[in-house]
């Protein structure tokens, strides 16, 4: 399972979505083209970012099936590592967005 850390997004949800599609869509698609699974790692953000992030991951999952793609949102490396391990072993899980915190799912 590959990992792509998404950085540099603006705080406003519409601007963040636009920046994601402009800067990160192509690198994600390129990694998915290898056929290996991918997990996007977003920085933490408020609930107002959840819809566009989930939509982006679901669209990528549909477009690149059978390659799996999921996303997590966290700045806690231990939590990210645990989520990555889970997702790598969960063959049927794709198109999911999982906000995490230091004690589990947010």
PDB file of N, CA and C in Angstrom:
ATOM      1  N   UNK A   1       0.858  -1.178   0.000  1.00  0.00           N
ATOM      2  CA  UNK A   1       0.000   0.000   0.000  1.00  0.00           C
ATOM      3  C   UNK A   1       0.901   1.237   0.000  1.00  0.00           C
ATOM      4  N   UNK A   2       0.643   2.108  -0.938  1.00  0.00           N
ATOM      5  CA  UNK A   2       1.411   3.344  -1.058  1.00  0.00           C
ATOM      6  C   UNK A   2       0.778   4.438  -0.194  1.00  0.00           C
ATOM      7  N   UNK A   3       1.557   5.434   0.128  1.00  0.00           N
ATOM      8  CA  UNK A   3       1.111   6.562   0.943  1.00  0.00           C
ATOM      9  C   UNK A   3       1.447   7.855   0.212  1.00  0.00           C
ATOM     10  N   UNK A   4       0.481   8.776   0.194  1.00  0.00           N
ATOM     11  CA  UNK A   4       0.704  10.094  -0.394  1.00  0.00           C
ATOM     12  C   UNK A   4       0.246  11.137   0.613  1.00  0.00           C
ATOM     13  N   UNK A   5       1.201  11.903   1.136  1.00  0.00           N
ATOM     14  CA  UNK A   5       0.887  12.955   2.108  1.00  0.00           C
ATOM     15  C   UNK A   5       0.461  14.219   1.372  1.00  0.00           C
ATOM     16  N   UNK A   6      -0.747  14.678   1.661  1.00  0.00           N
ATOM     17  CA  UNK A   6      -1.306  15.868   1.026  1.00  0.00           C
ATOM     18  C   UNK A   6      -0.971  17.068   1.911  1.00  0.00           C
ATOM     19  N   UNK A   7      -0.257  18.031   1.369  1.00  0.00           N
ATOM     20  CA  UNK A   7       0.183  19.185   2.153  1.00  0.00           C
ATOM     21  C   UNK A   7      -0.146  20.483   1.417  1.00  0.00           C
ATOM     22  N   UNK A   8      -0.070  21.567   2.163  1.00  0.00           N
ATOM     23  CA  UNK A   8      -0.181  22.884   1.564  1.00  0.00           C
ATOM     24  C   UNK A   8      -1.574  23.304   1.147  1.00  0.00           C
ATOM     25  N   UNK A   9      -2.600  22.695   1.714  1.00  0.00           N
ATOM     26  CA  UNK A   9      -3.961  23.066   1.342  1.00  0.00           C
ATOM     27  C   UNK A   9      -4.397  24.307   2.115  1.00  0.00           C
ATOM     28  N   UNK A  10      -5.138  25.210   1.464  1.00  0.00           N
ATOM     29  CA  UNK A  10      -5.653  26.391   2.164  1.00  0.00           C
ATOM     30  C   UNK A  10      -6.707  25.999   3.203  1.00  0.00           C
ATOM     31  N   UNK A  11      -6.990  26.876   4.161  1.00  0.00           N
ATOM     32  CA  UNK A  11      -7.962  26.549   5.209  1.00  0.00           C
ATOM     33  C   UNK A  11      -9.423  26.606   4.763  1.00  0.00           C
ATOM     34  N   UNK A  12      -9.740  27.347   3.724  1.00  0.00           N
ATOM     35  CA  UNK A  12     -11.120  27.461   3.245  1.00  0.00           C
ATOM     36  C   UNK A  12     -11.458  26.212   2.431  1.00  0.00           C
ATOM     37  N   UNK A  13     -12.559  25.517   2.745  1.00  0.00           N
ATOM     38  CA  UNK A  13     -12.865  24.250   2.087  1.00  0.00           C
ATOM     39  C   UNK A  13     -12.897  24.305   0.563  1.00  0.00           C
ATOM     40  N   UNK A  14     -13.550  25.305  -0.026  1.00  0.00           N
ATOM     41  CA  UNK A  14     -13.625  25.357  -1.495  1.00  0.00           C
ATOM     42  C   UNK A  14     -12.247  25.576  -2.109  1.00  0.00           C
ATOM     43  N   UNK A  15     -11.433  26.401  -1.473  1.00  0.00           N
ATOM     44  CA  UNK A  15     -10.070  26.631  -1.965  1.00  0.00           C
ATOM     45  C   UNK A  15      -9.206  25.383  -1.771  1.00  0.00           C
ATOM     46  N   UNK A  16      -9.422  24.682  -0.657  1.00  0.00           N
ATOM     47  CA  UNK A  16      -8.670  23.448  -0.416  1.00  0.00           C
ATOM     48  C   UNK A  16      -9.012  22.389  -1.451  1.00  0.00           C
ATOM     49  N   UNK A  17     -10.300  22.262  -1.773  1.00  0.00           N
ATOM     50  CA  UNK A  17     -10.711  21.295  -2.794  1.00  0.00           C
ATOM     51  C   UNK A  17     -10.087  21.644  -4.138  1.00  0.00           C
ATOM     52  N   UNK A  18     -10.131  22.922  -4.499  1.00  0.00           N
ATOM     53  CA  UNK A  18      -9.548  23.351  -5.771  1.00  0.00           C
ATOM     54  C   UNK A  18      -8.049  23.063  -5.804  1.00  0.00           C
ATOM     55  N   UNK A  19      -7.361  23.342  -4.705  1.00  0.00           N
ATOM     56  CA  UNK A  19      -5.914  23.081  -4.643  1.00  0.00           C
ATOM     57  C   UNK A  19      -5.631  21.590  -4.729  1.00  0.00           C
ATOM     58  N   UNK A  20      -6.443  20.759  -4.071  1.00  0.00           N
ATOM     59  CA  UNK A  20      -6.247  19.313  -4.148  1.00  0.00           C
ATOM     60  C   UNK A  20      -6.346  18.843  -5.594  1.00  0.00           C
ATOM     61  N   UNK A  21      -7.410  19.238  -6.268  1.00  0.00           N
ATOM     62  CA  UNK A  21      -7.595  18.794  -7.654  1.00  0.00           C
ATOM     63  C   UNK A  21      -6.508  19.336  -8.570  1.00  0.00           C
ATOM     64  N   UNK A  22      -6.033  20.552  -8.327  1.00  0.00           N
ATOM     65  CA  UNK A  22      -4.999  21.142  -9.180  1.00  0.00           C
ATOM     66  C   UNK A  22      -3.620  20.529  -8.931  1.00  0.00           C
ATOM     67  N   UNK A  23      -3.308  20.221  -7.672  1.00  0.00           N
ATOM     68  CA  UNK A  23      -1.942  19.813  -7.324  1.00  0.00           C
ATOM     69  C   UNK A  23      -1.775  18.327  -7.020  1.00  0.00           C
ATOM     70  N   UNK A  24      -2.808  17.670  -6.537  1.00  0.00           N
ATOM     71  CA  UNK A  24      -2.648  16.306  -6.028  1.00  0.00           C
ATOM     72  C   UNK A  24      -3.381  15.228  -6.801  1.00  0.00           C
ATOM     73  N   UNK A  25      -4.323  15.605  -7.646  1.00  0.00           N
ATOM     74  CA  UNK A  25      -5.091  14.601  -8.387  1.00  0.00           C
ATOM     75  C   UNK A  25      -4.188  13.785  -9.315  1.00  0.00           C
ATOM     76  N   UNK A  26      -3.358  14.459 -10.073  1.00  0.00           N
ATOM     77  CA  UNK A  26      -2.475  13.756 -11.016  1.00  0.00           C
ATOM     78  C   UNK A  26      -1.469  12.842 -10.304  1.00  0.00           C
ATOM     79  N   UNK A  27      -0.779  13.305  -9.251  1.00  0.00           N
ATOM     80  CA  UNK A  27       0.114  12.371  -8.548  1.00  0.00           C
ATOM     81  C   UNK A  27      -0.622  11.156  -7.982  1.00  0.00           C
ATOM     82  N   UNK A  28      -1.832  11.358  -7.461  1.00  0.00           N
ATOM     83  CA  UNK A  28      -2.603  10.225  -6.937  1.00  0.00           C
ATOM     84  C   UNK A  28      -2.970   9.261  -8.059  1.00  0.00           C
ATOM     85  N   UNK A  29      -3.429   9.787  -9.176  1.00  0.00           N
ATOM     86  CA  UNK A  29      -3.803   8.939 -10.316  1.00  0.00           C
ATOM     87  C   UNK A  29      -2.594   8.170 -10.834  1.00  0.00           C
ATOM     88  N   UNK A  30      -1.452   8.811 -10.870  1.00  0.00           N
ATOM     89  CA  UNK A  30      -0.226   8.143 -11.330  1.00  0.00           C
ATOM     90  C   UNK A  30       0.129   6.972 -10.421  1.00  0.00           C
ATOM     91  N   UNK A  31       0.036   7.178  -9.110  1.00  0.00           N
ATOM     92  CA  UNK A  31       0.331   6.095  -8.172  1.00  0.00           C
ATOM     93  C   UNK A  31      -0.689   4.965  -8.298  1.00  0.00           C
ATOM     94  N   UNK A  32      -1.938   5.303  -8.482  1.00  0.00           N
ATOM     95  CA  UNK A  32      -2.974   4.278  -8.635  1.00  0.00           C
ATOM     96  C   UNK A  32      -2.808   3.485  -9.924  1.00  0.00           C
ATOM     97  N   UNK A  33      -2.248   4.100 -10.947  1.00  0.00           N
ATOM     98  CA  UNK A  33      -2.057   3.417 -12.224  1.00  0.00           C
ATOM     99  C   UNK A  33      -1.117   2.222 -12.094  1.00  0.00           C
ATOM    100  N   UNK A  34      -0.309   2.212 -11.046  1.00  0.00           N
ATOM    101  CA  UNK A  34       0.592   1.075 -10.827  1.00  0.00           C
ATOM    102  C   UNK A  34      -0.176  -0.171 -10.419  1.00  0.00           C
ATOM    103  N   UNK A  35      -1.445  -0.007 -10.022  1.00  0.00           N
ATOM    104  CA  UNK A  35      -2.254  -1.134  -9.588  1.00  0.00           C
ATOM    105  C   UNK A  35      -2.149  -1.417  -8.106  1.00  0.00           C
ATOM    106  N   UNK A  36      -1.196  -0.772  -7.448  1.00  0.00           N
ATOM    107  CA  UNK A  36      -1.034  -0.945  -6.009  1.00  0.00           C
ATOM    108  C   UNK A  36      -1.969   0.018  -5.283  1.00  0.00           C
ATOM    109  N   UNK A  37      -2.439  -0.363  -4.119  1.00  0.00           N
ATOM    110  CA  UNK A  37      -3.326   0.486  -3.343  1.00  0.00           C
ATOM    111  C   UNK A  37      -2.649   1.767  -2.894  1.00  0.00           C
ATOM    112  N   UNK A  38      -3.465   2.737  -2.516  1.00  0.00           N
ATOM    113  CA  UNK A  38      -2.969   4.057  -2.119  1.00  0.00           C
ATOM    114  C   UNK A  38      -3.801   4.571  -0.951  1.00  0.00           C
ATOM    115  N   UNK A  39      -3.116   5.182   0.004  1.00  0.00           N
ATOM    116  CA  UNK A  39      -3.794   5.908   1.074  1.00  0.00           C
ATOM    117  C   UNK A  39      -3.318   7.352   1.039  1.00  0.00           C
ATOM    118  N   UNK A  40      -4.271   8.262   0.924  1.00  0.00           N
ATOM    119  CA  UNK A  40      -3.980   9.685   1.013  1.00  0.00           C
ATOM    120  C   UNK A  40      -3.968  10.065   2.486  1.00  0.00           C
ATOM    121  N   UNK A  41      -2.987  10.850   2.891  1.00  0.00           N
ATOM    122  CA  UNK A  41      -2.909  11.311   4.272  1.00  0.00           C
ATOM    123  C   UNK A  41      -3.081  12.829   4.261  1.00  0.00           C
ATOM    124  N   UNK A  42      -4.264  13.265   4.707  1.00  0.00           N
ATOM    125  CA  UNK A  42      -4.581  14.681   4.787  1.00  0.00           C
ATOM    126  C   UNK A  42      -4.226  15.217   6.171  1.00  0.00           C
ATOM    127  N   UNK A  43      -3.916  16.503   6.261  1.00  0.00           N
ATOM    128  CA  UNK A  43      -3.768  17.101   7.588  1.00  0.00           C
ATOM    129  C   UNK A  43      -5.147  17.211   8.239  1.00  0.00           C
ATOM    130  N   UNK A  44      -5.187  17.326   9.562  1.00  0.00           N
ATOM    131  CA  UNK A  44      -6.484  17.490  10.223  1.00  0.00           C
ATOM    132  C   UNK A  44      -7.200  18.737   9.697  1.00  0.00           C
ATOM    133  N   UNK A  45      -8.516  18.665   9.685  1.00  0.00           N
ATOM    134  CA  UNK A  45      -9.338  19.798   9.257  1.00  0.00           C
ATOM    135  C   UNK A  45     -10.712  19.651   9.879  1.00  0.00           C
ATOM    136  N   UNK A  46     -11.449  20.733   9.908  1.00  0.00           N
ATOM    137  CA  UNK A  46     -12.801  20.700  10.458  1.00  0.00           C
ATOM    138  C   UNK A  46     -13.748  19.890   9.601  1.00  0.00           C
ATOM    139  N   UNK A  47     -14.924  19.636  10.149  1.00  0.00           N
ATOM    140  CA  UNK A  47     -15.927  18.824   9.459  1.00  0.00           C
ATOM    141  C   UNK A  47     -16.332  19.412   8.108  1.00  0.00           C
ATOM    142  N   UNK A  48     -16.141  20.709   7.927  1.00  0.00           N
ATOM    143  CA  UNK A  48     -16.520  21.338   6.664  1.00  0.00           C
ATOM    144  C   UNK A  48     -15.664  20.866   5.489  1.00  0.00           C
ATOM    145  N   UNK A  49     -14.572  20.157   5.753  1.00  0.00           N
ATOM    146  CA  UNK A  49     -13.725  19.598   4.693  1.00  0.00           C
ATOM    147  C   UNK A  49     -14.088  18.148   4.358  1.00  0.00           C
ATOM    148  N   UNK A  50     -14.910  17.527   5.180  1.00  0.00           N
ATOM    149  CA  UNK A  50     -15.198  16.093   5.014  1.00  0.00           C
ATOM    150  C   UNK A  50     -15.859  15.757   3.685  1.00  0.00           C
ATOM    151  N   UNK A  51     -16.822  16.556   3.257  1.00  0.00           N
ATOM    152  CA  UNK A  51     -17.584  16.212   2.047  1.00  0.00           C
ATOM    153  C   UNK A  51     -16.701  16.205   0.804  1.00  0.00           C
ATOM    154  N   UNK A  52     -15.890  17.236   0.612  1.00  0.00           N
ATOM    155  CA  UNK A  52     -15.084  17.266  -0.605  1.00  0.00           C
ATOM    156  C   UNK A  52     -13.995  16.197  -0.557  1.00  0.00           C
ATOM    157  N   UNK A  53     -13.450  15.922   0.614  1.00  0.00           N
ATOM    158  CA  UNK A  53     -12.423  14.886   0.720  1.00  0.00           C
ATOM    159  C   UNK A  53     -13.019  13.508   0.412  1.00  0.00           C
ATOM    160  N   UNK A  54     -14.164  13.215   0.993  1.00  0.00           N
ATOM    161  CA  UNK A  54     -14.816  11.929   0.722  1.00  0.00           C
ATOM    162  C   UNK A  54     -15.176  11.805  -0.750  1.00  0.00           C
ATOM    163  N   UNK A  55     -15.700  12.849  -1.333  1.00  0.00           N
ATOM    164  CA  UNK A  55     -16.062  12.827  -2.749  1.00  0.00           C
ATOM    165  C   UNK A  55     -14.843  12.565  -3.628  1.00  0.00           C
ATOM    166  N   UNK A  56     -13.737  13.205  -3.313  1.00  0.00           N
ATOM    167  CA  UNK A  56     -12.509  13.011  -4.103  1.00  0.00           C
ATOM    168  C   UNK A  56     -12.038  11.563  -4.025  1.00  0.00           C
ATOM    169  N   UNK A  57     -12.035  11.001  -2.822  1.00  0.00           N
ATOM    170  CA  UNK A  57     -11.577   9.616  -2.640  1.00  0.00           C
ATOM    171  C   UNK A  57     -12.525   8.637  -3.320  1.00  0.00           C
ATOM    172  N   UNK A  58     -13.824   8.863  -3.197  1.00  0.00           N
ATOM    173  CA  UNK A  58     -14.792   7.973  -3.844  1.00  0.00           C
ATOM    174  C   UNK A  58     -14.675   8.027  -5.367  1.00  0.00           C
ATOM    175  N   UNK A  59     -14.475   9.210  -5.910  1.00  0.00           N
ATOM    176  CA  UNK A  59     -14.308   9.342  -7.367  1.00  0.00           C
ATOM    177  C   UNK A  59     -13.057   8.612  -7.836  1.00  0.00           C
ATOM    178  N   UNK A  60     -11.962   8.789  -7.124  1.00  0.00           N
ATOM    179  CA  UNK A  60     -10.730   8.094  -7.494  1.00  0.00           C
ATOM    180  C   UNK A  60     -10.897   6.577  -7.388  1.00  0.00           C
ATOM    181  N   UNK A  61     -11.619   6.124  -6.379  1.00  0.00           N
ATOM    182  CA  UNK A  61     -11.844   4.683  -6.220  1.00  0.00           C
ATOM    183  C   UNK A  61     -12.627   4.119  -7.397  1.00  0.00           C
ATOM    184  N   UNK A  62     -13.651   4.828  -7.828  1.00  0.00           N
ATOM    185  CA  UNK A  62     -14.448   4.356  -8.977  1.00  0.00           C
ATOM    186  C   UNK A  62     -13.614   4.372 -10.262  1.00  0.00           C
ATOM    187  N   UNK A  63     -12.853   5.422 -10.463  1.00  0.00           N
ATOM    188  CA  UNK A  63     -12.096   5.578 -11.706  1.00  0.00           C
ATOM    189  C   UNK A  63     -10.933   4.608 -11.824  1.00  0.00           C
ATOM    190  N   UNK A  64     -10.396   4.156 -10.698  1.00  0.00           N
ATOM    191  CA  UNK A  64      -9.182   3.343 -10.740  1.00  0.00           C
ATOM    192  C   UNK A  64      -9.377   1.919 -10.220  1.00  0.00           C
ATOM    193  N   UNK A  65     -10.627   1.504 -10.065  1.00  0.00           N
ATOM    194  CA  UNK A  65     -10.880   0.129  -9.632  1.00  0.00           C
ATOM    195  C   UNK A  65     -10.239  -0.824 -10.638  1.00  0.00           C
ATOM    196  N   UNK A  66      -9.649  -1.898 -10.201  1.00  0.00           N
ATOM    197  CA  UNK A  66      -9.749  -2.494  -8.875  1.00  0.00           C
ATOM    198  C   UNK A  66      -8.696  -2.010  -7.883  1.00  0.00           C
ATOM    199  N   UNK A  67      -7.836  -1.053  -8.260  1.00  0.00           N
ATOM    200  CA  UNK A  67      -6.882  -0.512  -7.292  1.00  0.00           C
ATOM    201  C   UNK A  67      -7.669   0.151  -6.161  1.00  0.00           C
ATOM    202  N   UNK A  68      -7.207  -0.055  -4.939  1.00  0.00           N
ATOM    203  CA  UNK A  68      -7.902   0.504  -3.783  1.00  0.00           C
ATOM    204  C   UNK A  68      -7.288   1.831  -3.371  1.00  0.00           C
ATOM    205  N   UNK A  69      -8.148   2.783  -2.984  1.00  0.00           N
ATOM    206  CA  UNK A  69      -7.697   4.061  -2.448  1.00  0.00           C
ATOM    207  C   UNK A  69      -8.579   4.437  -1.273  1.00  0.00           C
ATOM    208  N   UNK A  70      -7.937   4.914  -0.228  1.00  0.00           N
ATOM    209  CA  UNK A  70      -8.618   5.422   0.950  1.00  0.00           C
ATOM    210  C   UNK A  70      -7.879   6.665   1.406  1.00  0.00           C
ATOM    211  N   UNK A  71      -8.441   7.361   2.380  1.00  0.00           N
ATOM    212  CA  UNK A  71      -7.798   8.549   2.927  1.00  0.00           C
ATOM    213  C   UNK A  71      -7.987   8.586   4.430  1.00  0.00           C
ATOM    214  N   UNK A  72      -6.988   9.116   5.096  1.00  0.00           N
ATOM    215  CA  UNK A  72      -7.080   9.401   6.525  1.00  0.00           C
ATOM    216  C   UNK A  72      -6.726  10.867   6.717  1.00  0.00           C
ATOM    217  N   UNK A  73      -7.166  11.424   7.829  1.00  0.00           N
ATOM    218  CA  UNK A  73      -6.810  12.801   8.192  1.00  0.00           C
ATOM    219  C   UNK A  73      -6.294  12.783   9.617  1.00  0.00           C
ATOM    220  N   UNK A  74      -5.023  13.147   9.781  1.00  0.00           N
ATOM    221  CA  UNK A  74      -4.419  13.147  11.108  1.00  0.00           C
ATOM    222  C   UNK A  74      -3.036  13.777  11.040  1.00  0.00           C
ATOM    223  N   UNK A  75      -2.559  14.215  12.193  1.00  0.00           N
ATOM    224  CA  UNK A  75      -1.158  14.619  12.312  1.00  0.00           C
ATOM    225  C   UNK A  75      -0.447  13.741  13.346  1.00  0.00           C
ATOM    226  N   UNK A  76      -1.114  12.673  13.780  1.00  0.00           N
ATOM    227  CA  UNK A  76      -0.559  11.747  14.754  1.00  0.00           C
ATOM    228  C   UNK A  76       0.025  10.536  14.013  1.00  0.00           C
ATOM    229  N   UNK A  77       1.342  10.452  13.964  1.00  0.00           N
ATOM    230  CA  UNK A  77       1.990   9.391  13.186  1.00  0.00           C
ATOM    231  C   UNK A  77       1.647   7.991  13.663  1.00  0.00           C
ATOM    232  N   UNK A  78       1.470   7.811  14.960  1.00  0.00           N
ATOM    233  CA  UNK A  78       1.094   6.481  15.462  1.00  0.00           C
ATOM    234  C   UNK A  78      -0.301   6.107  14.972  1.00  0.00           C
ATOM    235  N   UNK A  79      -1.207   7.046  15.006  1.00  0.00           N
ATOM    236  CA  UNK A  79      -2.561   6.793  14.509  1.00  0.00           C
ATOM    237  C   UNK A  79      -2.572   6.528  13.017  1.00  0.00           C
ATOM    238  N   UNK A  80      -1.778   7.298  12.279  1.00  0.00           N
ATOM    239  CA  UNK A  80      -1.683   7.096  10.828  1.00  0.00           C
ATOM    240  C   UNK A  80      -1.115   5.709  10.535  1.00  0.00           C
ATOM    241  N   UNK A  81      -0.062   5.343  11.242  1.00  0.00           N
ATOM    242  CA  UNK A  81       0.556   4.027  11.026  1.00  0.00           C
ATOM    243  C   UNK A  81      -0.437   2.900  11.304  1.00  0.00           C
ATOM    244  N   UNK A  82      -1.216   3.032  12.371  1.00  0.00           N
ATOM    245  CA  UNK A  82      -2.208   2.004  12.692  1.00  0.00           C
ATOM    246  C   UNK A  82      -3.281   1.936  11.607  1.00  0.00           C
ATOM    247  N   UNK A  83      -3.737   3.087  11.142  1.00  0.00           N
ATOM    248  CA  UNK A  83      -4.755   3.102  10.082  1.00  0.00           C
ATOM    249  C   UNK A  83      -4.198   2.520   8.791  1.00  0.00           C
ATOM    250  N   UNK A  84      -2.956   2.845   8.449  1.00  0.00           N
ATOM    251  CA  UNK A  84      -2.342   2.303   7.237  1.00  0.00           C
ATOM    252  C   UNK A  84      -2.217   0.790   7.313  1.00  0.00           C
ATOM    253  N   UNK A  85      -1.835   0.284   8.479  1.00  0.00           N
ATOM    254  CA  UNK A  85      -1.730  -1.169   8.647  1.00  0.00           C
ATOM    255  C   UNK A  85      -3.096  -1.822   8.491  1.00  0.00           C
ATOM    256  N   UNK A  86      -4.106  -1.230   9.090  1.00  0.00           N
ATOM    257  CA  UNK A  86      -5.466  -1.769   8.963  1.00  0.00           C
ATOM    258  C   UNK A  86      -5.904  -1.768   7.499  1.00  0.00           C
ATOM    259  N   UNK A  87      -5.737  -0.641   6.824  1.00  0.00           N
ATOM    260  CA  UNK A  87      -6.199  -0.534   5.437  1.00  0.00           C
ATOM    261  C   UNK A  87      -5.434  -1.474   4.506  1.00  0.00           C
ATOM    262  N   UNK A  88      -4.161  -1.679   4.771  1.00  0.00           N
ATOM    263  CA  UNK A  88      -3.377  -2.600   3.938  1.00  0.00           C
ATOM    264  C   UNK A  88      -3.908  -4.020   4.034  1.00  0.00           C
ATOM    265  N   UNK A  89      -4.441  -4.386   5.193  1.00  0.00           N
ATOM    266  CA  UNK A  89      -4.940  -5.742   5.404  1.00  0.00           C
ATOM    267  C   UNK A  89      -6.422  -5.891   5.068  1.00  0.00           C
ATOM    268  N   UNK A  90      -7.122  -4.794   4.861  1.00  0.00           N
ATOM    269  CA  UNK A  90      -8.570  -4.826   4.624  1.00  0.00           C
ATOM    270  C   UNK A  90      -8.844  -4.768   3.127  1.00  0.00           C
ATOM    271  N   UNK A  91      -8.751  -5.914   2.481  1.00  0.00           N
ATOM    272  CA  UNK A  91      -8.833  -5.979   1.018  1.00  0.00           C
ATOM    273  C   UNK A  91     -10.120  -5.428   0.425  1.00  0.00           C
ATOM    274  N   UNK A  92     -11.208  -5.438   1.163  1.00  0.00           N
ATOM    275  CA  UNK A  92     -12.482  -4.975   0.617  1.00  0.00           C
ATOM    276  C   UNK A  92     -12.777  -3.510   0.868  1.00  0.00           C
ATOM    277  N   UNK A  93     -11.884  -2.807   1.550  1.00  0.00           N
ATOM    278  CA  UNK A  93     -12.154  -1.420   1.917  1.00  0.00           C
ATOM    279  C   UNK A  93     -11.533  -0.488   0.881  1.00  0.00           C
ATOM    280  N   UNK A  94     -12.371   0.328   0.263  1.00  0.00           N
ATOM    281  CA  UNK A  94     -11.900   1.324  -0.691  1.00  0.00           C
ATOM    282  C   UNK A  94     -12.893   2.481  -0.739  1.00  0.00           C
ATOM    283  N   UNK A  95     -12.383   3.656  -1.093  1.00  0.00           N
ATOM    284  CA  UNK A  95     -13.232   4.836  -1.221  1.00  0.00           C
ATOM    285  C   UNK A  95     -13.664   5.438   0.106  1.00  0.00           C
ATOM    286  N   UNK A  96     -12.899   5.194   1.163  1.00  0.00           N
ATOM    287  CA  UNK A  96     -13.267   5.676   2.491  1.00  0.00           C
ATOM    288  C   UNK A  96     -12.388   6.846   2.930  1.00  0.00           C
ATOM    289  N   UNK A  97     -12.980   7.743   3.709  1.00  0.00           N
ATOM    290  CA  UNK A  97     -12.269   8.872   4.318  1.00  0.00           C
ATOM    291  C   UNK A  97     -12.412   8.729   5.821  1.00  0.00           C
ATOM    292  N   UNK A  98     -11.285   8.585   6.527  1.00  0.00           N
ATOM    293  CA  UNK A  98     -11.288   8.315   7.957  1.00  0.00           C
ATOM    294  C   UNK A  98     -10.566   9.420   8.717  1.00  0.00           C
ATOM    295  N   UNK A  99     -11.284  10.387   9.296  1.00  0.00           N
ATOM    296  CA  UNK A  99     -10.638  11.374  10.166  1.00  0.00           C
ATOM    297  C   UNK A  99     -10.234  10.689  11.456  1.00  0.00           C
ATOM    298  N   UNK A 100      -8.993  10.854  11.870  1.00  0.00           N
ATOM    299  CA  UNK A 100      -8.467  10.212  13.078  1.00  0.00           C
ATOM    300  C   UNK A 100      -8.100  11.279  14.099  1.00  0.00           C
ATOM    301  N   UNK A 101      -8.041  10.867  15.370  1.00  0.00           N
ATOM    302  CA  UNK A 101      -7.423  11.700  16.391  1.00  0.00           C
ATOM    303  C   UNK A 101      -6.491  10.805  17.186  1.00  0.00           C
ATOM    304  N   UNK A 102      -5.898  11.318  18.247  1.00  0.00           N
ATOM    305  CA  UNK A 102      -4.885  10.555  18.959  1.00  0.00           C
ATOM    306  C   UNK A 102      -5.450   9.379  19.748  1.00  0.00           C
ATOM    307  N   UNK A 103      -6.777   9.269  19.834  1.00  0.00           N
ATOM    308  CA  UNK A 103      -7.374   8.150  20.563  1.00  0.00           C
ATOM    309  C   UNK A 103      -8.270   7.285  19.696  1.00  0.00           C
ATOM    310  N   UNK A 104      -8.285   7.506  18.402  1.00  0.00           N
ATOM    311  CA  UNK A 104      -9.105   6.684  17.514  1.00  0.00           C
ATOM    312  C   UNK A 104      -9.768   7.516  16.447  1.00  0.00           C
ATOM    313  N   UNK A 105     -10.836   7.012  15.916  1.00  0.00           N
ATOM    314  CA  UNK A 105     -11.538   7.719  14.838  1.00  0.00           C
ATOM    315  C   UNK A 105     -12.216   8.969  15.381  1.00  0.00           C
ATOM    316  N   UNK A 106     -12.177  10.039  14.602  1.00  0.00           N
ATOM    317  CA  UNK A 106     -12.769  11.308  15.014  1.00  0.00           C
ATOM    318  C   UNK A 106     -14.238  11.368  14.765  1.00  0.00           C
TER     319      UNK A 106
END
